[in-house]
N, C-alpha and C. Protein backbone atom coordinates (compact mmCIF):
# COMPACT_ATOMS: atom_id res chain seq x y z
N UNK A 1 37.47 -14.58 12.11
CA UNK A 1 38.95 -14.80 12.22
C UNK A 1 39.80 -15.00 10.97
N UNK A 2 40.30 -14.49 10.88
CA UNK A 2 41.27 -14.69 9.64
C UNK A 2 41.97 -16.30 9.45
N UNK A 3 42.41 -16.73 8.45
CA UNK A 3 43.57 -18.10 8.46
C UNK A 3 44.87 -17.99 9.21
N UNK A 4 44.94 -18.08 10.24
CA UNK A 4 46.36 -18.13 11.11
C UNK A 4 47.51 -19.72 10.66
N UNK A 5 48.60 -18.74 9.95
CA UNK A 5 49.27 -19.84 9.57
C UNK A 5 49.95 -19.99 11.17
N UNK A 6 49.74 -21.26 11.56
CA UNK A 6 50.46 -22.21 12.26
C UNK A 6 51.95 -22.29 11.96
N UNK A 7 53.05 -21.62 12.99
CA UNK A 7 54.94 -22.08 12.06
C UNK A 7 55.24 -23.24 12.24
N UNK A 8 56.13 -23.88 11.51
CA UNK A 8 56.93 -25.27 11.73
C UNK A 8 55.75 -26.18 10.84
N UNK A 9 56.48 -27.24 10.94
CA UNK A 9 55.63 -28.28 10.08
C UNK A 9 56.04 -29.80 10.74
N UNK A 10 54.86 -30.49 10.94
CA UNK A 10 55.00 -31.79 11.38
C UNK A 10 54.36 -33.05 10.36
N UNK A 11 54.83 -34.05 10.18
CA UNK A 11 54.08 -35.18 9.25
C UNK A 11 53.89 -36.23 10.22
N UNK A 12 52.76 -37.03 9.13
CA UNK A 12 52.48 -38.55 9.71
C UNK A 12 52.19 -39.52 8.91
N UNK A 13 53.03 -40.46 8.81
CA UNK A 13 52.27 -41.48 7.55
C UNK A 13 52.23 -42.93 8.49
N UNK A 14 51.28 -43.42 7.56
CA UNK A 14 50.91 -44.93 8.26
C UNK A 14 51.01 -45.93 7.00
N UNK A 15 51.38 -46.99 8.01
CA UNK A 15 52.05 -48.01 7.15
C UNK A 15 51.44 -49.25 7.66
N UNK A 16 51.46 -50.47 6.71
CA UNK A 16 50.85 -52.39 7.71
C UNK A 16 51.67 -52.26 8.94
N UNK A 17 52.97 -51.64 8.95
CA UNK A 17 53.82 -51.88 10.41
C UNK A 17 54.15 -50.91 11.35
N UNK A 18 53.29 -49.96 11.03
CA UNK A 18 53.89 -49.03 11.85
C UNK A 18 53.33 -47.59 11.62
N UNK A 19 54.12 -46.51 12.44
CA UNK A 19 53.57 -44.92 11.91
C UNK A 19 54.81 -44.23 11.96
N UNK A 20 55.48 -43.85 11.12
CA UNK A 20 56.27 -42.64 10.96
C UNK A 20 55.91 -41.07 11.83
N UNK A 21 56.19 -40.36 12.77
CA UNK A 21 56.13 -39.16 12.78
C UNK A 21 57.60 -38.37 11.93
N UNK A 22 57.31 -37.47 11.69
CA UNK A 22 58.45 -36.22 11.33
C UNK A 22 58.33 -34.86 12.00
N UNK A 23 59.38 -33.72 11.72
CA UNK A 23 58.89 -32.62 12.05
C UNK A 23 60.24 -31.42 11.82
N UNK A 24 60.27 -30.53 11.79
CA UNK A 24 61.70 -29.79 11.76
C UNK A 24 62.09 -29.31 12.92
N UNK A 25 62.86 -28.30 13.05
CA UNK A 25 63.16 -27.94 14.32
C UNK A 25 63.26 -26.53 15.17
N UNK A 26 62.66 -25.74 13.78
CA UNK A 26 62.97 -24.10 14.27
C UNK A 26 61.66 -23.75 14.97
N UNK A 27 61.80 -23.07 15.73
CA UNK A 27 61.24 -22.23 16.48
C UNK A 27 61.46 -20.43 16.20
N UNK A 28 59.85 -20.23 15.99
CA UNK A 28 59.77 -19.06 14.86
C UNK A 28 58.67 -18.24 15.93
N UNK A 29 59.06 -16.74 16.29
CA UNK A 29 57.62 -15.77 17.11
C UNK A 29 57.84 -14.24 16.09
N UNK A 30 56.75 -14.40 15.16
CA UNK A 30 57.18 -13.11 15.01
C UNK A 30 57.94 -12.70 13.41
N UNK A 31 58.52 -13.18 13.08
CA UNK A 31 59.50 -13.29 12.13
C UNK A 31 60.97 -13.57 12.82
N UNK A 32 61.01 -13.83 14.01
CA UNK A 32 62.47 -13.70 14.17
C UNK A 32 62.60 -15.42 14.74
N UNK A 33 64.07 -16.07 14.40
CA UNK A 33 64.02 -17.57 15.01
C UNK A 33 64.60 -17.49 16.50
N UNK A 34 63.96 -18.26 16.99
CA UNK A 34 64.11 -17.89 18.56
C UNK A 34 64.88 -18.80 18.99
N UNK A 35 64.81 -20.66 18.10
CA UNK A 35 65.27 -21.74 18.31
C UNK A 35 65.29 -22.23 17.40
N UNK A 36 66.79 -23.22 17.21
CA UNK A 36 67.18 -23.91 16.15
C UNK A 36 66.73 -25.49 16.63
N UNK A 37 66.56 -25.62 17.76
CA UNK A 37 66.89 -26.48 18.38
C UNK A 37 65.19 -27.47 18.86
N UNK A 38 64.19 -26.72 18.59
CA UNK A 38 62.99 -27.11 19.06
C UNK A 38 62.36 -28.67 18.73
N UNK A 39 61.72 -29.10 19.83
CA UNK A 39 61.20 -30.65 19.56
C UNK A 39 59.68 -30.16 19.42
N UNK A 40 59.27 -31.04 18.55
CA UNK A 40 57.73 -30.98 17.47
C UNK A 40 56.56 -31.79 17.64
N UNK A 41 57.58 -33.46 18.18
CA UNK A 41 57.49 -34.65 18.26
C UNK A 41 57.39 -35.32 19.85
N UNK A 42 56.44 -35.49 20.59
CA UNK A 42 56.78 -36.30 21.58
C UNK A 42 55.87 -37.31 22.24
N UNK A 43 56.66 -38.29 22.49
CA UNK A 43 56.08 -39.46 23.25
C UNK A 43 54.98 -39.28 24.30
N UNK A 44 53.90 -40.05 24.17
CA UNK A 44 53.35 -39.82 25.28
C UNK A 44 53.09 -41.10 25.98
N UNK A 45 53.21 -42.19 25.31
CA UNK A 45 53.45 -43.50 26.03
C UNK A 45 54.27 -43.86 25.15
N UNK A 46 54.79 -45.39 24.92
CA UNK A 46 55.47 -46.37 24.29
C UNK A 46 55.24 -46.30 23.47
N UNK A 47 54.33 -46.47 22.66
CA UNK A 47 53.44 -46.81 21.34
C UNK A 47 52.24 -45.78 21.08
N UNK A 48 52.22 -44.02 21.21
CA UNK A 48 51.97 -43.08 21.16
C UNK A 48 52.68 -41.93 20.75
N UNK A 49 53.02 -41.14 19.76
CA UNK A 49 53.48 -40.05 19.47
C UNK A 49 52.49 -39.21 19.28
N UNK A 50 52.92 -37.71 19.45
CA UNK A 50 52.32 -36.77 18.74
C UNK A 50 53.32 -35.55 18.41
N UNK A 51 52.67 -34.99 17.18
CA UNK A 51 54.00 -34.40 16.07
C UNK A 51 52.73 -32.58 16.30
N UNK A 52 53.53 -31.44 16.40
CA UNK A 52 52.30 -30.32 16.69
C UNK A 52 53.27 -29.11 15.53
N UNK A 53 52.13 -28.35 15.16
CA UNK A 53 52.88 -27.49 14.71
C UNK A 53 52.14 -26.05 15.63
N UNK A 54 52.66 -24.76 15.81
CA UNK A 54 51.97 -23.79 16.68
C UNK A 54 52.78 -23.42 17.86
N UNK A 55 52.18 -22.81 18.52
CA UNK A 55 52.85 -22.13 19.74
C UNK A 55 53.24 -22.80 20.60
N UNK A 56 54.76 -22.96 20.85
CA UNK A 56 55.49 -23.82 22.15
C UNK A 56 54.95 -23.91 23.35
N UNK A 57 54.09 -22.59 23.58
CA UNK A 57 53.46 -22.39 25.19
C UNK A 57 51.96 -23.72 24.74
N UNK A 58 51.21 -23.12 24.04
CA UNK A 58 50.24 -24.50 23.98
C UNK A 58 51.08 -26.07 23.74
N UNK A 59 51.73 -26.17 23.43
CA UNK A 59 52.55 -27.47 22.63
C UNK A 59 52.64 -27.86 23.78
N UNK A 60 53.41 -27.76 24.70
CA UNK A 60 54.32 -27.86 26.25
C UNK A 60 53.36 -28.68 26.88
N UNK A 61 52.21 -27.47 27.33
CA UNK A 61 50.76 -27.93 28.28
C UNK A 61 50.14 -28.95 27.57
N UNK A 62 49.75 -29.06 26.47
CA UNK A 62 49.04 -30.33 25.87
C UNK A 62 49.64 -31.12 26.10
N UNK A 63 51.04 -31.08 26.11
CA UNK A 63 51.83 -32.56 26.18
C UNK A 63 51.79 -33.07 27.66
N UNK A 64 51.84 -32.35 28.93
CA UNK A 64 51.87 -32.18 30.16
C UNK A 64 50.40 -32.84 30.35
N UNK A 65 49.84 -32.20 29.76
CA UNK A 65 48.21 -33.19 30.26
C UNK A 65 48.04 -34.28 29.85
N UNK A 66 48.68 -34.73 28.24
CA UNK A 66 48.25 -35.87 27.73
C UNK A 66 48.92 -36.61 28.48
N UNK A 67 50.00 -36.76 28.81
CA UNK A 67 51.24 -37.43 29.26
C UNK A 67 50.12 -38.00 30.66
N UNK A 68 49.73 -36.81 31.81
CA UNK A 68 49.01 -37.54 33.08
C UNK A 68 48.15 -38.16 32.94
N UNK A 69 47.14 -38.02 31.53
CA UNK A 69 45.69 -38.17 31.41
C UNK A 69 45.88 -39.63 31.13
N UNK A 70 47.23 -40.28 30.28
CA UNK A 70 47.67 -41.63 29.71
C UNK A 70 48.06 -42.35 30.60
N UNK A 71 49.22 -41.30 31.82
CA UNK A 71 49.19 -42.47 33.01
C UNK A 71 48.15 -42.69 33.72
N UNK A 72 47.24 -41.59 34.34
CA UNK A 72 46.11 -42.08 35.18
C UNK A 72 45.43 -43.48 34.42
N UNK A 73 45.14 -43.44 32.93
CA UNK A 73 44.46 -44.44 32.38
C UNK A 73 45.37 -45.63 32.52
N UNK A 74 46.63 -45.64 32.40
CA UNK A 74 47.20 -47.04 32.68
C UNK A 74 46.94 -47.28 33.92
N UNK A 75 47.04 -46.50 35.29
CA UNK A 75 47.15 -47.14 36.01
C UNK A 75 45.80 -47.70 36.83
N UNK A 76 44.84 -47.00 35.96
CA UNK A 76 43.18 -47.37 36.40
C UNK A 76 42.87 -48.64 35.48
N UNK A 77 43.36 -49.04 34.26
CA UNK A 77 43.13 -50.03 33.81
C UNK A 77 44.23 -51.25 33.34
N UNK A 78 45.68 -50.69 33.68
CA UNK A 78 46.64 -51.54 33.67
C UNK A 78 46.77 -51.90 32.34
N UNK A 79 46.31 -51.20 31.27
CA UNK A 79 46.97 -51.14 29.93
C UNK A 79 47.31 -49.76 29.64
N UNK A 80 48.16 -49.83 28.78
CA UNK A 80 48.29 -48.21 28.25
C UNK A 80 46.79 -48.21 27.31
N UNK A 81 46.85 -46.76 27.14
CA UNK A 81 45.73 -45.90 26.49
C UNK A 81 45.42 -46.09 24.71
N UNK A 82 44.45 -46.22 24.14
CA UNK A 82 44.68 -46.99 22.95
C UNK A 82 44.87 -45.51 22.11
N UNK A 83 45.56 -45.82 20.70
CA UNK A 83 45.90 -44.52 19.92
C UNK A 83 44.55 -43.75 20.02
N UNK A 84 43.43 -44.32 19.37
CA UNK A 84 42.02 -43.22 19.14
C UNK A 84 41.56 -43.04 20.67
N UNK A 85 41.44 -43.37 21.18
CA UNK A 85 41.35 -43.07 22.79
C UNK A 85 41.98 -41.43 23.54
N UNK A 86 43.35 -41.62 23.01
CA UNK A 86 43.99 -40.74 23.13
C UNK A 86 44.01 -39.41 22.14
N UNK A 87 44.23 -39.78 21.09
CA UNK A 87 43.07 -38.65 20.33
C UNK A 87 41.85 -38.05 20.38
N UNK A 88 40.86 -39.00 20.90
CA UNK A 88 39.56 -38.60 21.27
C UNK A 88 39.51 -37.48 22.82
N UNK A 89 40.47 -37.70 23.71
CA UNK A 89 40.84 -37.34 24.87
C UNK A 89 41.34 -35.71 24.53
N UNK A 90 42.34 -35.80 23.60
CA UNK A 90 42.79 -34.73 22.98
C UNK A 90 42.02 -33.75 22.22
N UNK A 91 41.01 -34.28 21.95
CA UNK A 91 39.47 -33.52 20.84
C UNK A 91 38.92 -32.74 21.85
N UNK A 92 38.56 -33.55 22.89
CA UNK A 92 37.65 -32.72 24.03
C UNK A 92 38.81 -31.61 24.86
N UNK A 93 40.30 -32.13 25.23
CA UNK A 93 41.15 -30.66 25.82
C UNK A 93 40.75 -29.63 24.62
N UNK A 94 40.77 -29.77 23.65
CA UNK A 94 41.09 -28.79 22.34
C UNK A 94 39.92 -27.61 22.14
N UNK A 95 38.80 -29.16 22.33
CA UNK A 95 37.24 -28.71 22.29
C UNK A 95 37.28 -27.43 23.27
N UNK A 96 37.26 -27.85 24.72
CA UNK A 96 36.95 -27.17 25.89
C UNK A 96 37.69 -25.52 25.86
N UNK A 97 38.87 -25.24 24.86
CA UNK A 97 38.74 -23.91 24.79
C UNK A 97 39.06 -23.23 23.37
N UNK A 98 37.50 -23.86 22.94
CA UNK A 98 36.75 -23.88 21.51
C UNK A 98 36.92 -21.82 21.72
N UNK A 99 36.60 -21.09 22.98
CA UNK A 99 36.53 -19.52 22.68
C UNK A 99 37.29 -19.21 22.97
N UNK A 100 39.09 -19.47 23.58
CA UNK A 100 40.00 -18.75 22.81
C UNK A 100 40.86 -20.16 22.49
N UNK A 101 41.01 -20.39 21.37
CA UNK A 101 41.48 -21.44 20.76
C UNK A 101 43.05 -21.96 21.01
N UNK A 102 43.26 -22.97 21.67
CA UNK A 102 44.83 -23.08 21.26
C UNK A 102 45.38 -22.88 20.31
N UNK A 103 46.91 -22.44 20.12
CA UNK A 103 47.38 -22.31 18.55
C UNK A 103 47.93 -23.32 18.01
N UNK A 104 47.65 -24.26 18.12
CA UNK A 104 48.13 -25.37 17.63
C UNK A 104 47.23 -26.69 16.55
N UNK A 105 47.96 -27.50 15.93
CA UNK A 105 47.35 -28.02 14.95
C UNK A 105 48.64 -29.14 15.55
N UNK A 106 47.75 -30.68 15.28
CA UNK A 106 48.25 -31.38 16.15
C UNK A 106 47.91 -33.03 15.42
N UNK A 107 49.31 -33.86 15.17
CA UNK A 107 49.24 -34.98 14.70
C UNK A 107 49.26 -36.46 15.55
N UNK A 108 48.28 -37.39 15.49
CA UNK A 108 48.85 -37.88 17.01
C UNK A 108 48.84 -39.55 16.08
N UNK A 109 49.53 -40.12 16.32
CA UNK A 109 50.47 -41.33 15.66
C UNK A 109 50.50 -42.73 16.47
N UNK A 110 50.24 -43.76 16.61
CA UNK A 110 50.27 -44.86 17.45
C UNK A 110 50.00 -46.51 16.84
N UNK A 111 50.84 -47.61 17.63
CA UNK A 111 50.69 -48.48 17.52
C UNK A 111 49.83 -49.30 18.59
N UNK A 112 48.70 -50.07 18.62
CA UNK A 112 47.97 -50.76 19.88
C UNK A 112 47.55 -52.21 19.43
N UNK A 113 46.56 -52.80 19.64
CA UNK A 113 45.89 -53.98 19.39
C UNK A 113 45.11 -53.95 18.03
N UNK A 114 44.55 -52.89 18.02
CA UNK A 114 44.16 -52.80 16.39
C UNK A 114 45.25 -52.27 15.59
N UNK A 115 46.52 -52.45 15.57
CA UNK A 115 48.03 -51.91 14.52
C UNK A 115 47.95 -50.59 14.65
N UNK A 116 48.11 -50.26 13.61
CA UNK A 116 48.81 -48.54 13.86
C UNK A 116 47.99 -47.79 13.25
N UNK A 117 47.76 -46.53 14.06
CA UNK A 117 46.70 -45.83 13.16
C UNK A 117 47.37 -44.38 13.46
N UNK A 118 46.57 -43.24 12.34
CA UNK A 118 47.29 -41.78 12.44
C UNK A 118 45.88 -41.11 12.48
N UNK A 119 46.42 -40.05 12.94
CA UNK A 119 45.07 -38.42 13.20
C UNK A 119 45.05 -37.45 13.53
N UNK A 120 44.46 -36.95 12.71
CA UNK A 120 45.11 -34.97 12.44
C UNK A 120 44.19 -34.24 13.34
N UNK A 121 44.62 -33.42 14.06
CA UNK A 121 43.57 -32.60 15.14
C UNK A 121 43.61 -31.04 14.72
N UNK A 122 42.37 -30.38 14.55
CA UNK A 122 42.95 -28.78 14.22
C UNK A 122 42.75 -28.37 15.50
N UNK A 123 42.65 -27.24 15.37
CA UNK A 123 42.61 -26.26 17.18
C UNK A 123 41.69 -26.69 17.80
N UNK A 124 40.31 -26.70 17.24
CA UNK A 124 39.21 -26.80 18.14
C UNK A 124 38.65 -28.12 18.05
N UNK A 125 39.88 -29.14 18.13
CA UNK A 125 39.73 -30.35 18.01
C UNK A 125 38.65 -31.39 17.18
N UNK A 126 38.28 -30.90 16.11
CA UNK A 126 37.90 -32.21 15.17
C UNK A 126 38.99 -33.19 14.49
N UNK A 127 38.16 -34.28 14.76
CA UNK A 127 39.46 -35.38 14.80
C UNK A 127 39.59 -35.83 13.32
N UNK A 128 40.37 -36.16 12.25
CA UNK A 128 40.12 -37.03 11.56
C UNK A 128 41.21 -38.13 11.01
N UNK A 129 40.85 -39.36 11.02
CA UNK A 129 41.65 -40.21 10.57
C UNK A 129 42.17 -40.55 8.91
N UNK A 130 43.43 -40.55 9.00
CA UNK A 130 44.03 -40.74 7.81
C UNK A 130 45.33 -41.39 7.29
N UNK A 131 45.77 -41.47 6.16
CA UNK A 131 46.92 -42.75 5.98
C UNK A 131 47.75 -41.36 5.89
N UNK A 132 48.10 -40.62 6.01
CA UNK A 132 49.39 -39.33 6.06
C UNK A 132 48.19 -38.45 6.52
N UNK A 133 49.38 -37.29 6.80
CA UNK A 133 49.19 -36.17 7.20
C UNK A 133 50.25 -34.71 7.64
N UNK A 134 49.94 -33.67 7.49
CA UNK A 134 50.44 -32.70 7.52
C UNK A 134 50.08 -31.77 8.12
N UNK A 135 50.92 -30.62 9.50
CA UNK A 135 49.83 -30.00 9.64
C UNK A 135 51.35 -28.39 10.01
N UNK A 136 50.83 -27.76 9.83
CA UNK A 136 51.42 -25.92 9.72
C UNK A 136 51.65 -25.22 8.31
N UNK A 137 53.08 -24.43 8.68
CA UNK A 137 52.54 -23.45 7.24
C UNK A 137 53.30 -24.29 6.24
N UNK A 138 54.14 -25.57 6.58
CA UNK A 138 54.50 -26.43 5.34
C UNK A 138 53.52 -27.62 4.91
N UNK A 139 52.18 -27.31 5.50
CA UNK A 139 51.51 -28.45 5.22
C UNK A 139 51.38 -28.90 3.86
N UNK A 140 51.16 -27.81 3.07
CA UNK A 140 50.61 -27.98 1.52
C UNK A 140 51.77 -28.44 0.83
N UNK A 141 52.87 -28.25 1.17
CA UNK A 141 54.38 -28.56 0.88
C UNK A 141 54.67 -29.98 0.49
N UNK A 142 54.38 -30.09 2.15
CA UNK A 142 54.20 -31.70 2.49
C UNK A 142 53.62 -32.71 1.86
N UNK A 143 52.18 -32.17 2.15
CA UNK A 143 51.40 -32.76 1.08
C UNK A 143 51.55 -33.21 -0.42
N UNK A 144 52.03 -32.43 -1.12
CA UNK A 144 52.55 -32.02 -2.20
C UNK A 144 53.63 -33.19 -2.73
N UNK A 145 54.33 -33.44 -1.57
CA UNK A 145 55.27 -34.28 -1.87
C UNK A 145 55.15 -36.01 -1.97
N UNK A 146 54.36 -35.62 -0.51
CA UNK A 146 54.01 -37.03 -0.09
C UNK A 146 52.99 -37.96 -0.93
N UNK A 147 51.96 -37.18 -1.32
CA UNK A 147 50.87 -37.48 -2.04
C UNK A 147 51.48 -38.91 -3.26
N UNK A 148 52.08 -38.52 -4.14
CA UNK A 148 52.13 -39.19 -5.90
C UNK A 148 53.45 -40.12 -4.92
N UNK A 149 53.54 -40.12 -3.95
CA UNK A 149 54.71 -41.20 -3.50
C UNK A 149 54.75 -42.13 -2.82
N UNK A 150 52.96 -41.94 -1.77
CA UNK A 150 52.83 -42.48 -0.68
C UNK A 150 52.23 -44.09 -1.16
N UNK A 151 52.18 -44.92 -0.66
CA UNK A 151 51.20 -45.87 -0.95
C UNK A 151 51.59 -46.73 0.41
N UNK A 152 49.95 -47.80 0.73
CA UNK A 152 49.69 -47.99 1.81
C UNK A 152 50.77 -49.26 2.44
N UNK A 153 51.32 -49.64 1.04
CA UNK A 153 52.06 -51.02 0.95
C UNK A 153 53.92 -50.56 1.39
N UNK A 154 54.06 -49.33 1.73
CA UNK A 154 55.36 -48.74 1.93
C UNK A 154 55.83 -49.97 3.19
N UNK A 155 57.09 -49.71 3.35
CA UNK A 155 57.70 -50.95 4.43
C UNK A 155 57.99 -49.33 5.55
N UNK A 156 58.72 -49.71 6.39
CA UNK A 156 58.80 -48.27 7.72
C UNK A 156 59.71 -47.75 7.23
N UNK A 157 60.48 -48.42 7.12
CA UNK A 157 62.19 -47.98 6.12
C UNK A 157 61.95 -46.56 5.04
N UNK A 158 61.07 -47.45 4.15
CA UNK A 158 60.66 -46.35 3.06
C UNK A 158 59.76 -45.20 3.22
N UNK A 159 58.75 -45.09 4.56
CA UNK A 159 57.95 -44.27 5.03
C UNK A 159 58.77 -43.11 6.18
N UNK A 160 59.87 -44.03 6.35
CA UNK A 160 61.11 -43.14 7.06
C UNK A 160 61.61 -42.16 6.06
N UNK A 161 62.08 -42.58 5.08
CA UNK A 161 62.56 -42.20 3.83
C UNK A 161 61.68 -41.44 3.52
N UNK A 162 60.85 -40.99 3.27
CA UNK A 162 59.95 -40.46 2.94
C UNK A 162 59.56 -39.18 3.20
N UNK A 163 59.15 -39.47 4.65
CA UNK A 163 59.02 -38.43 5.52
C UNK A 163 59.90 -37.42 5.86
N UNK A 164 61.33 -37.99 5.64
CA UNK A 164 62.40 -37.17 5.78
C UNK A 164 62.55 -36.44 4.68
N UNK A 165 62.49 -36.74 3.34
CA UNK A 165 62.62 -35.72 2.34
C UNK A 165 61.32 -34.75 2.12
N UNK A 166 60.04 -35.46 2.48
CA UNK A 166 59.34 -34.41 2.86
C UNK A 166 59.44 -33.01 3.36
N UNK A 167 59.64 -33.35 4.91
CA UNK A 167 60.47 -32.42 5.87
C UNK A 167 61.50 -31.51 4.97
N UNK A 168 62.63 -32.16 4.07
CA UNK A 168 63.83 -31.57 3.91
C UNK A 168 62.91 -30.44 2.52
N UNK A 169 61.71 -30.79 1.84
CA UNK A 169 61.60 -30.42 0.44
C UNK A 169 61.12 -29.09 1.66
N UNK A 170 60.20 -29.26 2.87
CA UNK A 170 59.45 -27.78 2.94
C UNK A 170 60.52 -27.21 3.35
N UNK A 171 61.57 -27.54 4.09
CA UNK A 171 62.53 -26.51 4.76
C UNK A 171 63.14 -25.54 3.54
N UNK A 172 63.32 -26.22 2.41
CA UNK A 172 63.62 -25.64 1.26
C UNK A 172 62.93 -24.20 0.96
N UNK A 173 61.36 -24.61 1.57
CA UNK A 173 60.72 -23.67 0.91
C UNK A 173 60.02 -22.46 1.82
N UNK A 174 59.64 -23.30 2.70
CA UNK A 174 59.11 -22.09 4.40
C UNK A 174 60.13 -21.50 5.07
N UNK A 175 60.31 -20.42 5.16
CA UNK A 175 60.89 -19.84 5.93
C UNK A 175 60.43 -19.73 7.92
N UNK A 176 59.40 -20.59 7.58
CA UNK A 176 58.99 -20.77 9.28
C UNK A 176 59.25 -22.20 9.61
N UNK A 177 60.07 -22.91 8.74
CA UNK A 177 60.67 -24.23 9.00
C UNK A 177 61.91 -24.42 8.83
N UNK A 178 62.71 -25.23 9.69
CA UNK A 178 63.90 -25.92 9.56
C UNK A 178 65.11 -26.23 10.37
N UNK A 179 66.85 -25.79 10.18
CA UNK A 179 67.56 -26.38 10.79
C UNK A 179 67.55 -27.61 11.34
N UNK A 180 66.53 -29.03 10.91
CA UNK A 180 67.08 -30.14 11.17
C UNK A 180 65.71 -31.17 11.53
N UNK A 181 65.62 -32.16 11.78
CA UNK A 181 64.59 -32.77 11.31
C UNK A 181 64.70 -33.67 13.04
N UNK A 182 63.44 -33.90 13.40
CA UNK A 182 63.55 -34.86 14.35
C UNK A 182 62.40 -36.04 14.16
N UNK A 183 62.41 -37.43 14.23
CA UNK A 183 61.66 -38.75 13.70
C UNK A 183 61.67 -39.59 14.58
N UNK A 184 60.23 -40.03 14.42
CA UNK A 184 60.35 -41.03 15.52
C UNK A 184 59.48 -41.79 14.84
N UNK A 185 59.79 -43.05 14.59
CA UNK A 185 59.02 -44.66 14.42
C UNK A 185 58.66 -45.51 15.58
N UNK A 186 57.40 -45.76 15.22
CA UNK A 186 56.54 -46.49 16.28
C UNK A 186 55.87 -47.71 15.73
N UNK A 187 56.28 -48.91 16.12
CA UNK A 187 55.36 -49.99 15.94
C UNK A 187 55.48 -51.07 17.20
N UNK A 188 54.83 -52.26 16.80
CA UNK A 188 54.43 -53.14 17.83
C UNK A 188 55.67 -53.23 18.85
N UNK A 189 56.58 -52.83 18.83
CA UNK A 189 57.56 -52.97 19.59
C UNK A 189 57.73 -51.96 20.52
N UNK A 190 57.38 -50.73 20.19
CA UNK A 190 57.39 -49.70 20.91
C UNK A 190 57.90 -48.25 20.22
N UNK A 191 59.13 -47.50 20.08
CA UNK A 191 59.29 -46.31 19.19
C UNK A 191 60.86 -46.65 19.44
N UNK A 192 61.15 -45.65 18.54
CA UNK A 192 62.64 -45.32 17.66
C UNK A 192 62.53 -43.99 17.33
N UNK A 193 63.50 -43.23 18.12
CA UNK A 193 63.55 -41.68 17.73
C UNK A 193 65.32 -41.41 17.24
N UNK A 194 64.76 -40.61 15.98
CA UNK A 194 66.42 -39.70 15.44
C UNK A 194 66.27 -38.65 15.25
N UNK A 195 67.49 -38.11 15.15
CA UNK A 195 67.76 -36.86 15.07
C UNK A 195 68.73 -36.30 13.61
N UNK A 196 68.02 -35.36 12.89
CA UNK A 196 68.97 -34.98 11.92
C UNK A 196 69.08 -33.26 12.01
N UNK A 197 70.41 -33.60 12.15
CA UNK A 197 71.01 -31.87 12.25
C UNK A 197 71.56 -31.15 10.87
N UNK A 198 70.79 -30.24 10.23
CA UNK A 198 71.40 -30.01 9.49
C UNK A 198 72.82 -28.49 9.53
N UNK A 199 74.05 -28.77 9.19
CA UNK A 199 75.08 -27.67 9.19
C UNK A 199 74.52 -25.91 8.81
N UNK A 200 74.90 -25.21 9.31
CA UNK A 200 74.83 -23.86 9.10
C UNK A 200 75.75 -23.78 8.35
N UNK A 201 74.98 -23.04 7.10
CA UNK A 201 75.98 -22.83 5.60
C UNK A 201 76.01 -21.35 6.08
N UNK A 202 76.99 -21.05 5.28
CA UNK A 202 77.09 -19.65 4.97
C UNK A 202 77.94 -18.50 6.34
């Protein structure tokens, strides 16, 4: 199987105060723009979010399953699932489809009693913990922007700015990414979502 380029871009940054997830909003298929308002960042609990690149059908299926599993966990244990546990659960789900892998790469970020954490998963469920991550067709461009500018001591506001600028950089050069930015900031108090829409020009 050749290297499949998963359309779209999602990134995550971890700081000592929390996690920032960001993605662009363009949905493409086979060279066509299907939507300029696709949501690629989804909250699973009040303290854990996931960001995706890839096919929206697979993404929507995974979001449903994760929300269901997280809710079940909460009902059974009386508390929210930890970020690491959710990433491992997602890993098991993705691996179970390894013969016909889901066409998606995933960023999982959250805040629990162990503090903030950030994970990246490939289509067959390998989990790696990182300080900053990027997935999708614009991943290399995003990492090229983030790497020289990132340090773990960043405040959430600075991390937010870095995430937005990284996605903007990707949008300028990657035709599969575009149209706006979804941003989620997660800390001990929960999450805040923001949306930046780009005006159409020309």
